[in-house]
Amino acid sequence: LYFSAQEGILFFYHIKDLQYEMKICADILQPISSLVFSPDYTVLLLVTDQGTVYTYRPAHSGEAVKLLDACSSCFLAADFLTPGDKYCVSVTISGEVQVWFLEDGTCLSKLNLDIEVHV
């Protein structure tokens, strides 16, 4: 079970029978608004309240890596394009939808919806 705290800490709870173990996986110093796993559960996207997107790879047990930083408008949400875990799509508050290559954060495509987006 992965979850985040108000302070921007990503936690992992390993639960087996009536026992559990808690581990701090990453501290990104920004409140996390959403967590999304890739379809094959190898990559976890972390979207912050400030609109930054990080990737975390549970198998590598390393730090979260900043993938996308809020530019002119905050990222409101992000998710994987399936199948696979090579691309993600994001939407900003201003209505810009973007497709990203996860390996290096390259923006491959964008579309402006010309409307403000809310959750």
Protein backbone atom coordinates (compact mmCIF):
# COMPACT_ATOMS: atom_id res chain seq x y z
CA LEU A 1 0.00 0.00 0.00
CA TYR A 2 1.48 3.34 -1.10
CA PHE A 3 0.16 6.62 0.24
CA SER A 4 1.30 10.18 0.75
CA ALA A 5 1.20 12.55 3.68
CA GLN A 6 0.41 16.26 3.70
CA GLU A 7 4.12 17.10 3.91
CA GLY A 8 5.00 15.43 0.59
CA ILE A 9 6.27 12.13 1.96
CA LEU A 10 5.58 8.91 0.04
CA PHE A 11 5.03 5.95 2.39
CA PHE A 12 4.86 2.22 1.72
CA TYR A 13 3.04 -0.17 4.02
CA HIS A 14 3.91 -3.83 3.59
CA ILE A 15 0.98 -5.76 5.08
CA LYS A 16 1.10 -9.50 5.69
CA ASP A 17 -1.51 -11.24 7.79
CA LEU A 18 -1.83 -9.15 10.97
CA GLN A 19 1.68 -7.68 10.69
CA TYR A 20 2.74 -4.53 8.85
CA GLU A 21 5.93 -2.62 8.21
CA MET A 22 6.07 1.05 7.24
CA LYS A 23 8.82 2.54 5.07
CA ILE A 24 9.42 6.10 3.89
CA CYS A 25 10.11 5.88 0.15
CA ALA A 26 10.60 9.51 -0.86
CA ASP A 27 10.26 13.04 0.46
CA ILE A 28 9.58 15.56 -2.30
CA LEU A 29 8.92 18.49 0.06
CA GLN A 30 5.62 19.39 -1.69
CA PRO A 31 2.14 18.12 -0.82
CA ILE A 32 1.19 15.25 -3.16
CA SER A 33 -2.27 15.55 -4.72
CA SER A 34 -2.38 12.23 -6.61
CA LEU A 35 -0.58 8.91 -7.06
CA VAL A 36 -1.01 6.82 -10.24
CA PHE A 37 0.63 3.46 -10.97
CA SER A 38 1.61 2.40 -14.47
CA PRO A 39 -0.38 -0.59 -15.81
CA ASP A 40 2.54 -2.93 -15.07
CA TYR A 41 3.13 -1.38 -11.59
CA THR A 42 6.77 -0.51 -12.31
CA VAL A 43 6.41 3.30 -12.16
CA LEU A 44 4.41 5.52 -9.84
CA LEU A 45 3.51 9.07 -10.93
CA LEU A 46 3.31 11.64 -8.13
CA VAL A 47 1.51 14.91 -8.90
CA THR A 48 1.99 17.72 -6.37
CA ASP A 49 -0.29 20.56 -5.31
CA GLN A 50 2.18 22.95 -6.98
CA GLY A 51 1.78 21.14 -10.30
CA THR A 52 5.05 19.24 -10.47
CA VAL A 53 5.11 15.60 -11.64
CA TYR A 54 7.61 13.08 -10.24
CA THR A 55 8.27 9.43 -11.08
CA TYR A 56 9.10 6.80 -8.47
CA ARG A 57 10.22 3.28 -9.34
CA PRO A 58 9.46 0.94 -6.40
CA ALA A 59 11.84 -1.80 -7.61
CA HIS A 60 14.77 0.63 -7.51
CA SER A 61 13.89 2.00 -4.04
CA GLY A 62 15.49 5.30 -4.94
CA GLU A 63 14.34 8.86 -4.71
CA ALA A 64 11.48 10.29 -6.69
CA VAL A 65 12.72 11.95 -9.89
CA LYS A 66 11.25 15.25 -11.06
CA LEU A 67 9.80 14.65 -14.52
CA LEU A 68 7.76 17.76 -15.24
CA ASP A 69 7.78 21.13 -13.55
CA ALA A 70 4.89 23.56 -13.56
CA CYS A 71 5.54 26.22 -16.15
CA SER A 72 2.88 28.76 -17.05
CA SER A 73 0.10 26.63 -15.60
CA CYS A 74 0.03 23.93 -12.92
CA PHE A 75 -0.43 20.31 -13.87
CA LEU A 76 -3.78 19.29 -12.48
CA ALA A 77 -3.55 15.58 -13.21
CA ALA A 78 -1.39 13.01 -14.98
CA ASP A 79 -1.85 9.40 -16.02
CA PHE A 80 -0.15 6.76 -18.12
CA LEU A 81 -0.97 6.11 -21.76
CA THR A 82 -1.49 2.40 -22.09
CA PRO A 83 -0.29 -0.12 -22.96
CA GLY A 84 3.05 0.17 -21.23
CA ASP A 85 4.72 2.80 -19.10
CA LYS A 86 6.72 4.86 -21.61
CA TYR A 87 4.30 7.78 -22.01
CA CYS A 88 2.03 9.84 -19.82
CA VAL A 89 -0.61 12.45 -20.46
CA SER A 90 -1.16 15.52 -18.33
CA VAL A 91 -3.67 18.32 -18.17
CA THR A 92 -3.07 21.80 -16.80
CA ILE A 93 -5.52 24.09 -15.05
CA SER A 94 -5.55 26.28 -18.18
CA GLY A 95 -6.76 23.32 -20.30
CA GLU A 96 -3.57 22.25 -22.04
CA VAL A 97 -3.34 18.48 -22.60
CA GLN A 98 0.19 17.18 -23.14
CA VAL A 99 1.77 13.81 -23.95
CA TRP A 100 5.21 13.18 -22.38
CA PHE A 101 7.99 10.64 -22.92
CA LEU A 102 8.72 9.40 -19.39
CA GLU A 103 12.37 8.51 -19.96
CA ASP A 104 13.53 12.11 -20.29
CA GLY A 105 10.42 14.30 -19.84
CA THR A 106 10.22 15.33 -23.49
CA CYS A 107 6.87 16.85 -24.49
CA LEU A 108 5.76 14.95 -27.60
CA SER A 109 2.42 16.59 -28.26
CA LYS A 110 0.05 19.19 -26.85
CA LEU A 111 -3.50 20.30 -27.39
CA ASN A 112 -5.14 23.38 -25.90
CA LEU A 113 -8.78 22.83 -24.95
CA ASP A 114 -9.35 26.59 -24.55
CA ILE A 115 -11.20 26.04 -21.26
CA GLU A 116 -10.21 26.06 -17.60
CA VAL A 117 -10.11 22.57 -16.10
CA HIS A 118 -11.27 21.62 -12.59
CA VAL A 119 -11.31 18.37 -10.67
